[in-house]
């Protein structure tokens, strides 16, 4: 085999490996988007940051829970939208009922929720629990955090830097 053939084979191999790597990344991103596409945009995933103590010890305030759409059953933890409370979501355990109206209760509560969410009000069934990650997510979506980061970045860009030129001494003036 001549030197030219080996160089051509090596170039072809590099291109094929590069294309395979790109295809793998595209596939990984496609799977991630499919799995994480939010229910608010027609997907099947709801991310919920736990607030309060009603689900302790299962979940603590500041935990992140990933819920996936699917049929709930007694014993499942669900994320649902209570009627008449715009934008609110509750994450509690199904303790009875059926898809026509679930009976739900916080693990740390000694009373049942006043709502009986039907299947169409359930955003998902808890699938993944990420302790404390909700605190980080809260910071990332907080406008005050973004303004602070932008101001810091602006300060770094416009703040007068140290000059590399040597300063004149009194004898040189």
N, C-alpha and C. Protein backbone atom coordinates (compact mmCIF):
# COMPACT_ATOMS: atom_id res chain seq x y z
N UNK A 1 0.84 -1.17 0.00
CA UNK A 1 0.00 0.00 0.00
C UNK A 1 0.90 1.24 0.00
N UNK A 2 0.57 2.17 -0.85
CA UNK A 2 1.40 3.37 -0.95
C UNK A 2 1.06 4.36 0.15
N UNK A 3 1.95 5.31 0.32
CA UNK A 3 1.77 6.33 1.35
C UNK A 3 0.49 7.14 1.08
N UNK A 4 0.21 7.40 -0.18
CA UNK A 4 -0.97 8.18 -0.53
C UNK A 4 -2.25 7.43 -0.16
N UNK A 5 -2.28 6.09 -0.41
CA UNK A 5 -3.46 5.30 -0.06
C UNK A 5 -3.68 5.30 1.45
N UNK A 6 -2.58 5.15 2.23
CA UNK A 6 -2.72 5.16 3.69
C UNK A 6 -3.26 6.49 4.18
N UNK A 7 -2.79 7.59 3.61
CA UNK A 7 -3.26 8.92 4.02
C UNK A 7 -4.74 9.07 3.69
N UNK A 8 -5.16 8.58 2.52
CA UNK A 8 -6.56 8.66 2.13
C UNK A 8 -7.42 7.82 3.06
N UNK A 9 -6.96 6.59 3.39
CA UNK A 9 -7.69 5.73 4.31
C UNK A 9 -7.82 6.37 5.69
N UNK A 10 -6.74 6.99 6.17
CA UNK A 10 -6.78 7.64 7.49
C UNK A 10 -7.75 8.81 7.47
N UNK A 11 -7.75 9.59 6.39
CA UNK A 11 -8.68 10.73 6.29
C UNK A 11 -10.12 10.26 6.25
N UNK A 12 -10.38 9.18 5.50
CA UNK A 12 -11.73 8.62 5.43
C UNK A 12 -12.16 8.10 6.80
N UNK A 13 -11.27 7.43 7.49
CA UNK A 13 -11.59 6.91 8.83
C UNK A 13 -11.93 8.05 9.78
N UNK A 14 -11.14 9.12 9.73
CA UNK A 14 -11.41 10.27 10.61
C UNK A 14 -12.77 10.88 10.30
N UNK A 15 -13.08 11.00 9.01
CA UNK A 15 -14.37 11.58 8.63
C UNK A 15 -15.52 10.69 9.10
N UNK A 16 -15.36 9.37 8.95
CA UNK A 16 -16.41 8.44 9.39
C UNK A 16 -16.59 8.50 10.90
N UNK A 17 -15.47 8.54 11.63
CA UNK A 17 -15.56 8.65 13.09
C UNK A 17 -16.21 9.97 13.51
N UNK A 18 -15.86 11.04 12.82
CA UNK A 18 -16.46 12.34 13.12
C UNK A 18 -17.96 12.32 12.85
N UNK A 19 -18.36 11.72 11.74
CA UNK A 19 -19.79 11.63 11.40
C UNK A 19 -20.53 10.76 12.41
N UNK A 20 -19.90 9.66 12.83
CA UNK A 20 -20.53 8.78 13.83
C UNK A 20 -20.68 9.51 15.16
N UNK A 21 -19.66 10.27 15.55
CA UNK A 21 -19.74 11.04 16.79
C UNK A 21 -20.85 12.08 16.73
N UNK A 22 -20.95 12.76 15.59
CA UNK A 22 -22.01 13.76 15.42
C UNK A 22 -23.38 13.09 15.48
N UNK A 23 -23.53 11.96 14.81
CA UNK A 23 -24.80 11.23 14.82
C UNK A 23 -25.16 10.79 16.24
N UNK A 24 -24.17 10.35 17.01
CA UNK A 24 -24.43 9.94 18.40
C UNK A 24 -24.91 11.13 19.23
N UNK A 25 -24.27 12.29 19.07
CA UNK A 25 -24.70 13.49 19.80
C UNK A 25 -26.12 13.90 19.41
N UNK A 26 -26.43 13.87 18.12
CA UNK A 26 -27.77 14.23 17.66
C UNK A 26 -28.80 13.27 18.25
N UNK A 27 -28.48 11.98 18.26
CA UNK A 27 -29.39 10.99 18.83
C UNK A 27 -29.58 11.22 20.33
N UNK A 28 -28.49 11.51 21.04
CA UNK A 28 -28.57 11.77 22.48
C UNK A 28 -29.43 13.00 22.77
N UNK A 29 -29.24 14.06 22.01
CA UNK A 29 -30.04 15.28 22.20
C UNK A 29 -31.51 14.99 21.88
N UNK A 30 -31.77 14.24 20.82
CA UNK A 30 -33.15 13.91 20.45
C UNK A 30 -33.84 13.11 21.56
N UNK A 31 -33.14 12.15 22.13
CA UNK A 31 -33.70 11.36 23.24
C UNK A 31 -33.94 12.24 24.45
N UNK A 32 -32.98 13.10 24.78
CA UNK A 32 -33.13 14.00 25.94
C UNK A 32 -34.32 14.94 25.75
N UNK A 33 -34.45 15.50 24.55
CA UNK A 33 -35.58 16.41 24.29
C UNK A 33 -36.89 15.64 24.39
N UNK A 34 -36.94 14.45 23.84
CA UNK A 34 -38.16 13.64 23.91
C UNK A 34 -38.53 13.32 25.35
N UNK A 35 -37.54 12.94 26.15
CA UNK A 35 -37.82 12.56 27.54
C UNK A 35 -38.11 13.76 28.43
N UNK A 36 -37.55 14.91 28.13
CA UNK A 36 -37.69 16.08 29.00
C UNK A 36 -38.65 17.14 28.48
N UNK A 37 -39.30 16.91 27.34
CA UNK A 37 -40.21 17.90 26.78
C UNK A 37 -41.37 18.11 27.75
N UNK A 38 -41.61 19.36 28.16
CA UNK A 38 -42.60 19.61 29.22
C UNK A 38 -44.04 19.41 28.77
N UNK A 39 -44.88 19.05 29.72
CA UNK A 39 -46.31 18.86 29.44
C UNK A 39 -46.94 20.16 28.97
N UNK A 40 -46.43 21.29 29.42
CA UNK A 40 -46.99 22.58 29.01
C UNK A 40 -46.83 22.82 27.51
N UNK A 41 -45.91 22.11 26.88
CA UNK A 41 -45.69 22.22 25.44
C UNK A 41 -46.10 20.94 24.71
N UNK A 42 -46.95 20.14 25.35
CA UNK A 42 -47.44 18.92 24.73
C UNK A 42 -46.58 17.70 24.97
N UNK A 43 -45.57 17.82 25.79
CA UNK A 43 -44.69 16.69 26.08
C UNK A 43 -45.23 15.83 27.21
N UNK A 44 -44.33 15.10 27.84
CA UNK A 44 -44.75 14.12 28.84
C UNK A 44 -43.98 14.25 30.15
N UNK A 45 -43.34 15.40 30.38
CA UNK A 45 -42.51 15.56 31.57
C UNK A 45 -42.89 16.82 32.34
N UNK A 46 -42.97 16.68 33.65
CA UNK A 46 -43.21 17.83 34.52
C UNK A 46 -42.10 17.87 35.56
N UNK A 47 -41.42 19.01 35.65
CA UNK A 47 -40.41 19.22 36.67
C UNK A 47 -41.06 20.01 37.80
N UNK A 48 -40.96 19.50 39.01
CA UNK A 48 -41.58 20.15 40.16
C UNK A 48 -40.56 20.35 41.26
N UNK A 49 -40.48 21.57 41.75
CA UNK A 49 -39.64 21.88 42.91
C UNK A 49 -40.54 21.80 44.13
N UNK A 50 -40.20 20.91 45.04
CA UNK A 50 -41.03 20.70 46.23
C UNK A 50 -40.92 21.92 47.13
N UNK A 51 -42.07 22.34 47.62
CA UNK A 51 -42.14 23.48 48.53
C UNK A 51 -42.98 23.07 49.73
N UNK A 52 -42.47 23.25 50.91
CA UNK A 52 -43.23 22.89 52.11
C UNK A 52 -42.82 21.54 52.66
N UNK A 53 -43.53 21.16 53.73
CA UNK A 53 -43.18 19.93 54.46
C UNK A 53 -44.19 18.81 54.28
N UNK A 54 -45.19 19.00 53.46
CA UNK A 54 -46.29 18.04 53.39
C UNK A 54 -45.88 16.66 52.87
N UNK A 55 -44.76 16.56 52.14
CA UNK A 55 -44.36 15.26 51.60
C UNK A 55 -43.16 14.66 52.33
N UNK A 56 -42.75 15.26 53.45
CA UNK A 56 -41.65 14.67 54.22
C UNK A 56 -42.10 13.36 54.84
N UNK A 57 -41.28 12.37 54.97
CA UNK A 57 -39.85 12.33 54.67
C UNK A 57 -39.53 11.93 53.23
N UNK A 58 -40.56 11.66 52.42
CA UNK A 58 -40.31 11.23 51.04
C UNK A 58 -39.58 12.31 50.25
N UNK A 59 -40.12 13.52 50.28
CA UNK A 59 -39.51 14.66 49.60
C UNK A 59 -39.43 15.82 50.58
N UNK A 60 -38.35 16.59 50.47
CA UNK A 60 -38.17 17.76 51.32
C UNK A 60 -38.24 19.02 50.47
N UNK A 61 -38.50 20.12 51.12
CA UNK A 61 -38.54 21.40 50.43
C UNK A 61 -37.20 21.63 49.72
N UNK A 62 -37.27 22.01 48.45
CA UNK A 62 -36.05 22.23 47.67
C UNK A 62 -35.65 21.04 46.81
N UNK A 63 -36.33 19.91 46.96
CA UNK A 63 -36.04 18.75 46.11
C UNK A 63 -36.67 18.97 44.73
N UNK A 64 -36.09 18.35 43.71
CA UNK A 64 -36.64 18.40 42.37
C UNK A 64 -37.21 17.02 42.06
N UNK A 65 -38.46 16.99 41.58
CA UNK A 65 -39.10 15.73 41.22
C UNK A 65 -39.47 15.79 39.74
N UNK A 66 -39.05 14.77 39.01
CA UNK A 66 -39.40 14.64 37.61
C UNK A 66 -40.58 13.69 37.53
N UNK A 67 -41.70 14.18 36.99
CA UNK A 67 -42.89 13.36 36.84
C UNK A 67 -43.14 13.12 35.36
N UNK A 68 -43.57 11.91 35.03
CA UNK A 68 -43.86 11.54 33.65
C UNK A 68 -45.34 11.24 33.53
N UNK A 69 -45.90 11.56 32.36
CA UNK A 69 -47.32 11.27 32.16
C UNK A 69 -47.53 9.76 32.18
N UNK A 70 -48.70 9.38 32.59
CA UNK A 70 -49.02 7.97 32.70
C UNK A 70 -50.19 7.79 33.64
N UNK A 71 -50.74 6.61 33.64
CA UNK A 71 -51.90 6.32 34.48
C UNK A 71 -51.46 6.19 35.93
N UNK A 72 -52.11 6.97 36.79
CA UNK A 72 -51.81 6.91 38.23
C UNK A 72 -52.51 5.72 38.86
N UNK A 73 -51.94 5.26 39.96
CA UNK A 73 -52.53 4.18 40.75
C UNK A 73 -52.44 4.56 42.21
N UNK A 74 -53.25 3.92 43.04
CA UNK A 74 -53.16 4.15 44.47
C UNK A 74 -51.74 3.82 44.92
N UNK A 75 -51.15 4.72 45.69
CA UNK A 75 -49.78 4.57 46.16
C UNK A 75 -48.79 5.44 45.39
N UNK A 76 -49.15 5.87 44.17
CA UNK A 76 -48.27 6.73 43.38
C UNK A 76 -48.26 8.15 43.94
N UNK A 77 -47.16 8.84 43.74
CA UNK A 77 -47.09 10.27 44.01
C UNK A 77 -47.36 10.96 42.68
N UNK A 78 -48.33 11.88 42.68
CA UNK A 78 -48.70 12.57 41.45
C UNK A 78 -48.50 14.08 41.58
N UNK A 79 -48.34 14.71 40.44
CA UNK A 79 -48.33 16.17 40.36
C UNK A 79 -49.64 16.54 39.68
N UNK A 80 -50.44 17.37 40.36
CA UNK A 80 -51.72 17.76 39.78
C UNK A 80 -51.97 19.25 39.93
N UNK A 81 -52.91 19.73 39.09
CA UNK A 81 -53.31 21.13 39.10
C UNK A 81 -54.66 21.24 39.80
N UNK A 82 -54.70 21.83 40.98
CA UNK A 82 -55.99 21.95 41.67
C UNK A 82 -56.89 22.94 40.94
N UNK A 83 -58.19 22.65 40.87
CA UNK A 83 -59.10 23.56 40.17
C UNK A 83 -59.22 24.89 40.91
N UNK A 84 -59.33 25.97 40.13
CA UNK A 84 -59.54 27.29 40.71
C UNK A 84 -58.29 27.93 41.29
N UNK A 85 -57.13 27.29 41.15
CA UNK A 85 -55.87 27.86 41.66
C UNK A 85 -54.91 27.95 40.48
N UNK A 86 -55.02 29.04 39.72
CA UNK A 86 -54.25 29.19 38.48
C UNK A 86 -52.75 29.05 38.71
N UNK A 87 -52.13 28.20 37.90
CA UNK A 87 -50.68 28.05 37.91
C UNK A 87 -50.13 27.19 39.03
N UNK A 88 -50.94 26.84 40.01
CA UNK A 88 -50.44 26.05 41.14
C UNK A 88 -50.38 24.57 40.76
N UNK A 89 -49.40 23.89 41.32
CA UNK A 89 -49.30 22.44 41.19
C UNK A 89 -49.05 21.86 42.56
N UNK A 90 -49.64 20.73 42.81
CA UNK A 90 -49.49 20.05 44.09
C UNK A 90 -48.88 18.69 43.82
N UNK A 91 -47.93 18.29 44.68
CA UNK A 91 -47.33 16.96 44.57
C UNK A 91 -47.68 16.21 45.84
N UNK A 92 -48.61 15.25 45.73
CA UNK A 92 -49.07 14.45 46.87
C UNK A 92 -49.31 13.01 46.43
N UNK A 93 -49.51 12.15 47.40
CA UNK A 93 -49.69 10.71 47.14
C UNK A 93 -51.16 10.37 46.96
N UNK A 94 -51.43 9.47 45.99
CA UNK A 94 -52.78 8.95 45.78
C UNK A 94 -53.06 7.91 46.86
N UNK A 95 -54.11 8.14 47.65
CA UNK A 95 -54.46 7.21 48.72
C UNK A 95 -55.79 6.50 48.47
N UNK A 96 -56.45 6.87 47.38
CA UNK A 96 -57.72 6.22 47.06
C UNK A 96 -58.32 6.83 45.80
N UNK A 97 -59.55 6.41 45.51
CA UNK A 97 -60.26 6.94 44.35
C UNK A 97 -59.88 6.24 43.07
N UNK A 98 -60.21 6.91 41.97
CA UNK A 98 -59.90 6.40 40.64
C UNK A 98 -59.68 7.58 39.70
N UNK A 99 -59.53 7.28 38.41
CA UNK A 99 -59.21 8.32 37.44
C UNK A 99 -60.31 9.39 37.34
N UNK A 100 -61.50 9.07 37.81
CA UNK A 100 -62.59 10.06 37.82
C UNK A 100 -62.36 11.11 38.91
N UNK A 101 -61.67 10.73 39.96
CA UNK A 101 -61.37 11.65 41.05
C UNK A 101 -60.50 10.96 42.08
N UNK A 102 -59.20 11.28 42.08
CA UNK A 102 -58.25 10.67 43.01
C UNK A 102 -58.37 11.31 44.38
N UNK A 103 -58.21 10.49 45.41
CA UNK A 103 -58.11 10.99 46.78
C UNK A 103 -56.62 11.10 47.06
N UNK A 104 -56.16 12.32 47.39
CA UNK A 104 -54.73 12.56 47.56
C UNK A 104 -54.45 13.17 48.93
N UNK A 105 -53.22 12.93 49.38
CA UNK A 105 -52.81 13.40 50.70
C UNK A 105 -51.29 13.51 50.74
N UNK A 106 -50.80 14.53 51.42
CA UNK A 106 -49.36 14.64 51.65
C UNK A 106 -48.93 13.59 52.66
N UNK A 107 -47.75 13.01 52.47
CA UNK A 107 -47.26 11.96 53.38
C UNK A 107 -47.16 12.45 54.81
N UNK A 108 -46.91 13.73 55.01
CA UNK A 108 -46.73 14.30 56.34
C UNK A 108 -48.02 14.95 56.87
N UNK A 109 -49.11 14.82 56.13
CA UNK A 109 -50.39 15.42 56.55
C UNK A 109 -51.28 14.38 57.20
N UNK A 110 -52.07 14.81 58.17
CA UNK A 110 -53.05 13.90 58.78
C UNK A 110 -54.45 14.18 58.25
N UNK A 111 -54.54 14.85 57.12
CA UNK A 111 -55.83 15.17 56.50
C UNK A 111 -55.71 14.97 54.99
N UNK A 112 -56.84 14.73 54.34
CA UNK A 112 -56.88 14.56 52.89
C UNK A 112 -56.93 15.93 52.21
N UNK A 113 -56.43 15.99 50.98
CA UNK A 113 -56.54 17.23 50.21
C UNK A 113 -58.01 17.51 49.92
N UNK A 114 -58.39 18.78 49.85
CA UNK A 114 -59.80 19.11 49.57
C UNK A 114 -60.19 18.84 48.12
N UNK A 115 -59.22 18.67 47.24
CA UNK A 115 -59.50 18.46 45.83
C UNK A 115 -59.47 16.98 45.49
N UNK A 116 -60.23 16.60 44.49
CA UNK A 116 -60.25 15.23 43.96
C UNK A 116 -59.88 15.31 42.48
N UNK A 117 -58.59 15.41 42.18
CA UNK A 117 -58.20 15.63 40.78
C UNK A 117 -58.54 14.43 39.89
N UNK A 118 -59.19 14.73 38.78
CA UNK A 118 -59.47 13.71 37.77
C UNK A 118 -58.20 13.54 36.92
N UNK A 119 -58.19 12.50 36.11
CA UNK A 119 -57.01 12.17 35.30
C UNK A 119 -56.56 13.35 34.44
N UNK A 120 -57.51 14.17 33.96
CA UNK A 120 -57.13 15.29 33.09
C UNK A 120 -56.45 16.44 33.84
N UNK A 121 -56.45 16.41 35.17
CA UNK A 121 -55.78 17.44 35.97
C UNK A 121 -54.43 16.94 36.51
N UNK A 122 -54.11 15.68 36.22
CA UNK A 122 -52.85 15.10 36.68
C UNK A 122 -51.79 15.32 35.60
N UNK A 123 -50.72 16.04 35.96
CA UNK A 123 -49.64 16.31 35.00
C UNK A 123 -48.66 15.15 34.89
N UNK A 124 -48.55 14.33 35.93
CA UNK A 124 -47.64 13.21 35.85
C UNK A 124 -47.50 12.45 37.15
N UNK A 125 -46.86 11.30 37.04
CA UNK A 125 -46.56 10.43 38.17
C UNK A 125 -45.07 10.57 38.46
N UNK A 126 -44.73 10.78 39.72
CA UNK A 126 -43.32 10.97 40.10
C UNK A 126 -42.48 9.79 39.62
N UNK A 127 -41.38 10.11 38.93
CA UNK A 127 -40.52 9.06 38.39
C UNK A 127 -39.09 9.16 38.92
N UNK A 128 -38.59 10.39 39.08
CA UNK A 128 -37.21 10.60 39.51
C UNK A 128 -37.19 11.66 40.60
N UNK A 129 -36.42 11.39 41.65
CA UNK A 129 -36.28 12.32 42.78
C UNK A 129 -34.83 12.78 42.84
N UNK A 130 -34.62 14.09 42.78
CA UNK A 130 -33.27 14.67 42.83
C UNK A 130 -33.19 15.59 44.05
N UNK A 131 -32.71 15.06 45.18
CA UNK A 131 -32.66 15.85 46.41
C UNK A 131 -31.86 17.14 46.24
N UNK A 132 -32.40 18.21 46.77
CA UNK A 132 -31.76 19.54 46.84
C UNK A 132 -31.55 20.21 45.48
N UNK A 133 -31.74 19.52 44.38
CA UNK A 133 -31.47 20.11 43.07
C UNK A 133 -32.48 21.21 42.73
N UNK A 134 -33.63 21.17 43.36
CA UNK A 134 -34.62 22.23 43.14
C UNK A 134 -34.12 23.58 43.61
N UNK A 135 -33.30 23.58 44.64
CA UNK A 135 -32.73 24.85 45.13
C UNK A 135 -31.84 25.48 44.05
N UNK A 136 -31.05 24.65 43.40
CA UNK A 136 -30.18 25.13 42.32
C UNK A 136 -31.04 25.61 41.15
N UNK A 137 -32.05 24.82 40.79
CA UNK A 137 -32.94 25.20 39.69
C UNK A 137 -33.65 26.51 39.99
N UNK A 138 -34.06 26.70 41.24
CA UNK A 138 -34.72 27.96 41.63
C UNK A 138 -33.80 29.15 41.41
N UNK A 139 -32.53 28.98 41.74
CA UNK A 139 -31.57 30.06 41.52
C UNK A 139 -31.41 30.37 40.04
N UNK A 140 -31.39 29.31 39.22
CA UNK A 140 -31.17 29.50 37.79
C UNK A 140 -32.34 30.19 37.10
N UNK A 141 -33.55 30.04 37.63
CA UNK A 141 -34.71 30.67 37.00
C UNK A 141 -35.10 31.97 37.68
N UNK A 142 -34.39 32.35 38.72
CA UNK A 142 -34.69 33.57 39.46
C UNK A 142 -34.17 34.79 38.70
N UNK A 143 -35.04 35.77 38.40
CA UNK A 143 -34.59 36.96 37.68
C UNK A 143 -33.49 37.73 38.41
N UNK A 144 -33.53 37.76 39.73
CA UNK A 144 -32.50 38.47 40.49
C UNK A 144 -31.13 37.84 40.23
N UNK A 145 -31.08 36.51 40.14
CA UNK A 145 -29.82 35.83 39.84
C UNK A 145 -29.31 36.25 38.46
N UNK A 146 -30.20 36.26 37.47
CA UNK A 146 -29.78 36.62 36.11
C UNK A 146 -29.30 38.06 36.05
N UNK A 147 -30.00 38.98 36.70
CA UNK A 147 -29.56 40.38 36.70
C UNK A 147 -28.20 40.49 37.38
N UNK A 148 -28.01 39.78 38.48
CA UNK A 148 -26.72 39.82 39.19
C UNK A 148 -25.59 39.30 38.31
N UNK A 149 -25.83 38.20 37.62
CA UNK A 149 -24.81 37.62 36.74
C UNK A 149 -24.49 38.59 35.60
N UNK A 150 -25.51 39.19 35.02
CA UNK A 150 -25.30 40.14 33.93
C UNK A 150 -24.51 41.37 34.40
N UNK A 151 -24.85 41.89 35.58
CA UNK A 151 -24.12 43.04 36.11
C UNK A 151 -22.67 42.69 36.40
N UNK A 152 -22.44 41.50 36.94
CA UNK A 152 -21.07 41.06 37.20
C UNK A 152 -20.28 40.93 35.89
N UNK A 153 -20.90 40.33 34.89
CA UNK A 153 -20.24 40.19 33.59
C UNK A 153 -19.93 41.55 32.98
N UNK A 154 -20.88 42.47 33.09
CA UNK A 154 -20.67 43.82 32.57
C UNK A 154 -19.52 44.51 33.31
N UNK A 155 -19.49 44.35 34.63
CA UNK A 155 -18.42 44.96 35.43
C UNK A 155 -17.05 44.41 35.02
N UNK A 156 -16.97 43.12 34.77
CA UNK A 156 -15.70 42.51 34.37
C UNK A 156 -15.25 43.05 33.02
N UNK A 157 -16.20 43.27 32.12
CA UNK A 157 -15.86 43.75 30.78
C UNK A 157 -15.44 45.22 30.80
N UNK A 158 -16.15 46.06 31.55
CA UNK A 158 -15.87 47.50 31.48
C UNK A 158 -14.93 48.00 32.57
N UNK A 159 -14.67 47.23 33.59
CA UNK A 159 -13.80 47.66 34.68
C UNK A 159 -12.39 47.89 34.13
N UNK A 160 -11.78 49.02 34.48
CA UNK A 160 -10.44 49.26 33.93
C UNK A 160 -9.47 48.19 34.41
N UNK A 161 -8.80 47.61 33.46
CA UNK A 161 -7.85 46.54 33.79
C UNK A 161 -6.50 47.11 34.17
N UNK A 162 -5.68 46.26 34.70
CA UNK A 162 -4.31 46.66 35.06
C UNK A 162 -3.49 46.77 33.79
N UNK A 163 -2.81 47.84 33.64
CA UNK A 163 -1.98 48.04 32.46
C UNK A 163 -0.70 47.23 32.59
N UNK A 164 -0.29 46.64 31.49
CA UNK A 164 0.96 45.88 31.50
C UNK A 164 2.17 46.79 31.34
N UNK A 165 1.93 48.05 30.93
CA UNK A 165 3.04 48.99 30.73
C UNK A 165 3.58 49.42 32.09
N UNK A 166 4.90 49.49 32.23
CA UNK A 166 5.47 49.90 33.52
C UNK A 166 5.14 51.36 33.81
N UNK A 167 4.91 51.65 35.08
CA UNK A 167 4.60 53.01 35.49
C UNK A 167 5.90 53.82 35.56
N UNK A 168 5.75 55.10 35.28
CA UNK A 168 6.91 56.00 35.36
C UNK A 168 7.24 56.27 36.82
N UNK A 169 8.51 56.19 37.14
CA UNK A 169 8.94 56.51 38.51
C UNK A 169 9.20 58.00 38.62
N UNK A 170 9.36 58.49 39.82
CA UNK A 170 9.55 59.93 40.02
C UNK A 170 10.79 60.44 39.31
N UNK A 171 11.81 59.63 39.24
CA UNK A 171 13.05 60.06 38.59
C UNK A 171 12.89 60.20 37.09
N UNK A 172 11.92 59.50 36.48
CA UNK A 172 11.73 59.54 35.03
C UNK A 172 10.83 60.67 34.60
N UNK A 173 10.14 61.29 35.53
CA UNK A 173 9.17 62.33 35.16
C UNK A 173 9.81 63.61 34.84
